[in-house]
Protein backbone atom coordinates (compact mmCIF):
# COMPACT_ATOMS: atom_id res chain seq x y z
CA MET A 1 95.80 51.00 77.90
CA ASN A 2 99.11 52.38 79.31
CA GLU A 3 98.44 55.96 80.38
CA ALA A 4 94.26 55.53 80.57
CA ILE A 5 95.26 53.47 83.47
CA ARG A 6 94.31 55.15 86.65
CA ALA A 7 95.29 52.58 89.07
CA LYS A 8 98.11 53.07 91.49
CA GLU A 9 99.73 49.72 91.41
CA VAL A 10 98.64 47.03 88.91
CA ARG A 11 99.46 43.27 88.60
CA VAL A 12 101.31 42.49 85.67
CA ILE A 13 101.15 39.36 83.75
CA GLY A 14 104.38 39.23 81.28
CA PRO A 15 104.81 38.65 77.93
CA ALA A 16 104.50 35.06 78.29
CA GLY A 17 102.18 34.98 80.09
CA GLU A 18 104.39 34.30 83.34
CA ASN A 19 103.41 36.71 86.65
CA VAL A 20 105.88 39.06 87.04
CA GLY A 21 104.02 40.45 90.55
CA VAL A 22 102.38 44.29 91.69
CA LEU A 23 103.89 46.51 90.30
CA PRO A 24 103.63 50.76 90.95
CA THR A 25 101.18 51.62 87.17
CA ALA A 26 104.44 53.77 86.28
CA GLU A 27 106.88 50.58 86.43
CA ALA A 28 104.64 48.72 84.98
CA ILE A 29 104.21 50.39 82.31
CA GLN A 30 107.84 51.38 81.41
CA ARG A 31 109.24 48.03 81.44
CA ALA A 32 105.76 47.40 78.54
CA ARG A 33 107.73 49.99 76.69
CA GLU A 34 111.27 48.58 77.29
CA ALA A 35 109.89 45.45 76.14
CA GLY A 36 108.60 47.32 72.94
CA LEU A 37 104.65 46.47 73.79
CA ASP A 38 101.88 48.34 75.54
CA LEU A 39 100.76 47.65 78.88
CA ILE A 40 97.16 46.83 78.82
CA GLU A 41 94.13 46.61 81.37
CA VAL A 42 92.86 42.69 81.76
CA SER A 43 90.09 43.26 85.33
CA ALA A 44 90.09 46.84 86.86
CA GLN A 45 87.48 44.79 89.09
CA ALA A 46 90.38 42.59 90.84
CA ASN A 47 92.53 44.40 93.62
CA PRO A 48 95.00 45.10 92.81
CA PRO A 49 93.85 45.39 88.73
CA VAL A 50 94.92 42.85 86.67
CA ALA A 51 97.39 44.18 83.50
CA ARG A 52 99.00 42.61 81.11
CA ILE A 53 101.82 43.28 78.89
CA ALA A 54 101.12 42.68 74.79
CA ASP A 55 100.76 43.74 71.90
CA TYR A 56 97.05 45.75 71.40
CA GLY A 57 96.69 44.64 68.41
CA LYS A 58 97.32 40.93 69.20
CA PHE A 59 95.56 41.57 72.46
CA LYS A 60 92.26 42.44 69.86
CA TYR A 61 92.41 40.10 67.52
CA GLU A 62 92.40 38.04 69.97
CA LEU A 63 89.99 38.89 72.67
CA LYS A 64 87.69 38.67 68.38
CA LYS A 65 88.57 36.18 67.86
CA LYS A 66 87.75 34.45 71.00
CA ASP A 67 84.23 36.18 70.57
CA LYS A 68 83.34 34.41 67.19
CA GLU A 69 84.37 30.96 68.50
CA ILE A 70 81.79 32.07 71.81
CA LYS A 71 79.07 33.08 69.06
CA ALA A 72 79.40 29.98 67.27
CA ARG A 73 79.31 27.77 69.41
CA SER A 74 76.04 29.51 70.98
CA SER A 75 74.17 29.81 67.05
CA VAL A 76 71.72 27.13 67.93
CA LYS A 77 68.82 27.25 65.65
CA PRO A 78 66.00 28.63 68.08
CA THR A 79 63.59 25.83 68.47
CA GLU A 80 59.78 26.20 67.13
CA THR A 81 56.20 24.67 67.58
CA LYS A 82 54.65 23.10 65.06
CA GLU A 83 51.38 21.93 64.63
CA ALA A 84 49.51 18.68 63.25
CA GLN A 85 45.87 17.69 63.71
CA VAL A 86 44.52 14.72 63.32
CA LYS A 87 41.01 14.79 62.23
CA ILE A 88 37.99 11.59 64.07
CA GLY A 89 37.73 10.61 60.45
CA THR A 90 41.58 10.22 59.24
CA SER A 91 42.68 7.28 57.86
CA ASP A 92 45.63 4.62 59.17
CA ASN A 93 47.78 5.55 55.50
CA ASP A 94 46.41 9.53 56.70
CA MET A 95 48.09 9.11 60.57
CA ARG A 96 51.06 6.81 59.23
CA ILE A 97 52.08 10.18 57.27
CA LYS A 98 50.92 12.95 60.33
CA ALA A 99 53.30 10.67 62.79
CA ARG A 100 55.86 9.83 60.67
CA LYS A 101 56.13 14.07 59.80
CA VAL A 102 56.86 14.05 63.59
CA SER A 103 58.80 12.29 64.51
CA GLU A 104 61.47 13.93 61.27
CA TRP A 105 59.82 17.54 63.26
CA LEU A 106 60.98 15.96 67.31
CA GLN A 107 63.97 14.31 65.73
CA GLU A 108 64.73 17.98 64.85
CA GLY A 109 64.60 19.04 68.58
CA HIS A 110 60.93 20.67 67.58
CA ARG A 111 57.86 21.14 69.90
CA VAL A 112 55.25 19.94 68.07
CA LYS A 113 51.68 21.05 69.10
CA ILE A 114 49.04 18.24 68.13
CA ASP A 115 45.42 18.79 67.91
CA LEU A 116 42.83 16.15 67.63
CA PHE A 117 40.14 18.62 65.00
CA LEU A 118 36.69 18.37 66.57
CA TRP A 119 33.46 20.09 64.37
CA GLY A 120 30.06 19.71 64.76
CA ARG A 121 28.85 16.79 66.41
CA TYR A 122 32.45 14.97 67.49
CA LYS A 123 32.82 18.47 70.38
CA TYR A 124 29.95 17.42 72.42
CA MET A 125 31.56 13.39 72.12
CA GLU A 126 33.02 12.13 75.29
CA PHE A 127 36.43 13.40 76.57
CA ASN A 128 37.75 9.64 77.43
CA PHE A 129 36.74 8.86 73.95
CA LEU A 130 38.18 11.55 71.92
CA LYS A 131 41.52 11.56 74.40
CA GLU A 132 41.80 7.04 73.52
CA ARG A 133 42.16 8.74 69.71
CA LEU A 134 44.57 11.19 70.20
CA GLU A 135 46.71 8.42 72.24
CA ARG A 136 46.24 6.04 69.36
CA PHE A 137 47.77 8.28 67.08
CA LEU A 138 50.24 8.94 69.77
CA ALA A 139 51.69 5.69 69.70
CA ILE A 140 52.21 5.37 66.11
CA VAL A 141 55.12 8.64 66.29
CA GLU A 142 58.42 6.86 66.34
CA GLU A 143 60.70 9.21 67.82
CA SER A 144 61.20 8.95 71.46
CA TYR A 145 59.45 11.80 73.44
CA LYS A 146 57.96 13.21 76.99
CA ILE A 147 54.81 14.97 76.97
CA ALA A 148 54.84 18.85 77.55
CA ASP A 149 51.48 20.27 78.34
CA GLU A 150 48.54 17.23 78.92
CA ILE A 151 45.91 16.16 76.26
CA LYS A 152 43.63 18.81 76.74
CA LYS A 153 40.48 20.36 75.76
CA SER A 154 40.92 23.39 73.25
CA PRO A 155 38.99 26.14 70.95
CA LYS A 156 39.57 23.12 67.94
CA GLY A 157 38.63 19.83 70.27
CA LEU A 158 41.66 18.30 72.03
CA SER A 159 45.19 19.45 71.83
CA VAL A 160 48.70 17.18 73.06
CA VAL A 161 52.15 19.00 73.45
CA LEU A 162 55.33 17.00 73.20
CA GLU A 163 58.68 17.15 73.34
CA ALA A 164 62.11 15.67 72.26
CA THR A 165 63.64 13.27 74.85
CA GLY A 166 67.34 13.54 74.51
CA LYS A 167 69.86 15.52 72.18
CA SER A 168 69.27 13.02 69.15
CA GLY A 169 69.36 16.67 66.76
CA LYS A 170 69.30 16.91 62.49
CA GLY A 171 70.27 13.79 61.05
CA GLY A 172 70.20 11.73 64.13
CA GLN A 173 68.67 8.50 64.68
CA SER A 174 66.12 7.22 66.64
CA THR A 175 65.99 6.30 69.35
CA GLY A 176 63.48 3.60 68.24
CA GLY A 177 61.24 4.02 71.84
CA LYS A 178 57.74 5.48 70.45
CA ARG A 179 57.75 6.89 74.64
CA SER A 180 59.91 7.81 77.41
CA ASN A 181 59.13 6.01 80.55
CA GLU A 182 57.33 8.86 82.54
CA SER A 183 55.41 9.44 79.89
CA VAL A 184 53.25 6.00 79.03
CA ALA A 185 53.33 6.19 83.26
CA ALA A 186 51.26 9.55 82.99
CA LEU A 187 48.99 8.69 80.22
CA LYS A 188 48.35 5.27 81.61
CA GLU A 189 47.21 7.70 85.00
CA THR A 190 44.89 9.31 83.47
CA VAL A 191 43.55 7.09 81.02
């Protein structure tokens, strides 16, 4: 600002935003003082550096205002990975309730990990049978989704990670589809 500008000449922008041109720094400072304002260096990396004739207090206020707007726009809620657990013997009604909860999480934009919990002898059952059980649960999830991590064995049993497709957001309407075409094709290929 003012005498702190070390460049020999600067490209000057006037108080109304008009381009004054390239001036020696001393002359630019003199013009700013005549207008009762300050010479503020806006871009020091440019060649020649860009300086603006403006009120320093007002300039700082506008910068803070812009920063607040940018911060407000970028303060998106981080997504979490929610977990739902289904067992082989889970009743149809309980599966519908869990599927509704998974749909809500997807609608809010969260990733959802679904575990088909296996214990005892169930751990040694055929992989395709267990996978079909997990796919049966996925078929009743109402919100549209894509499969982020394919169905695979995990320490608890089988697990799959789902992500929402599109930007329905919190309170948005469901797209009505159960799966995206990509996830249906991926499931058909693996079966």
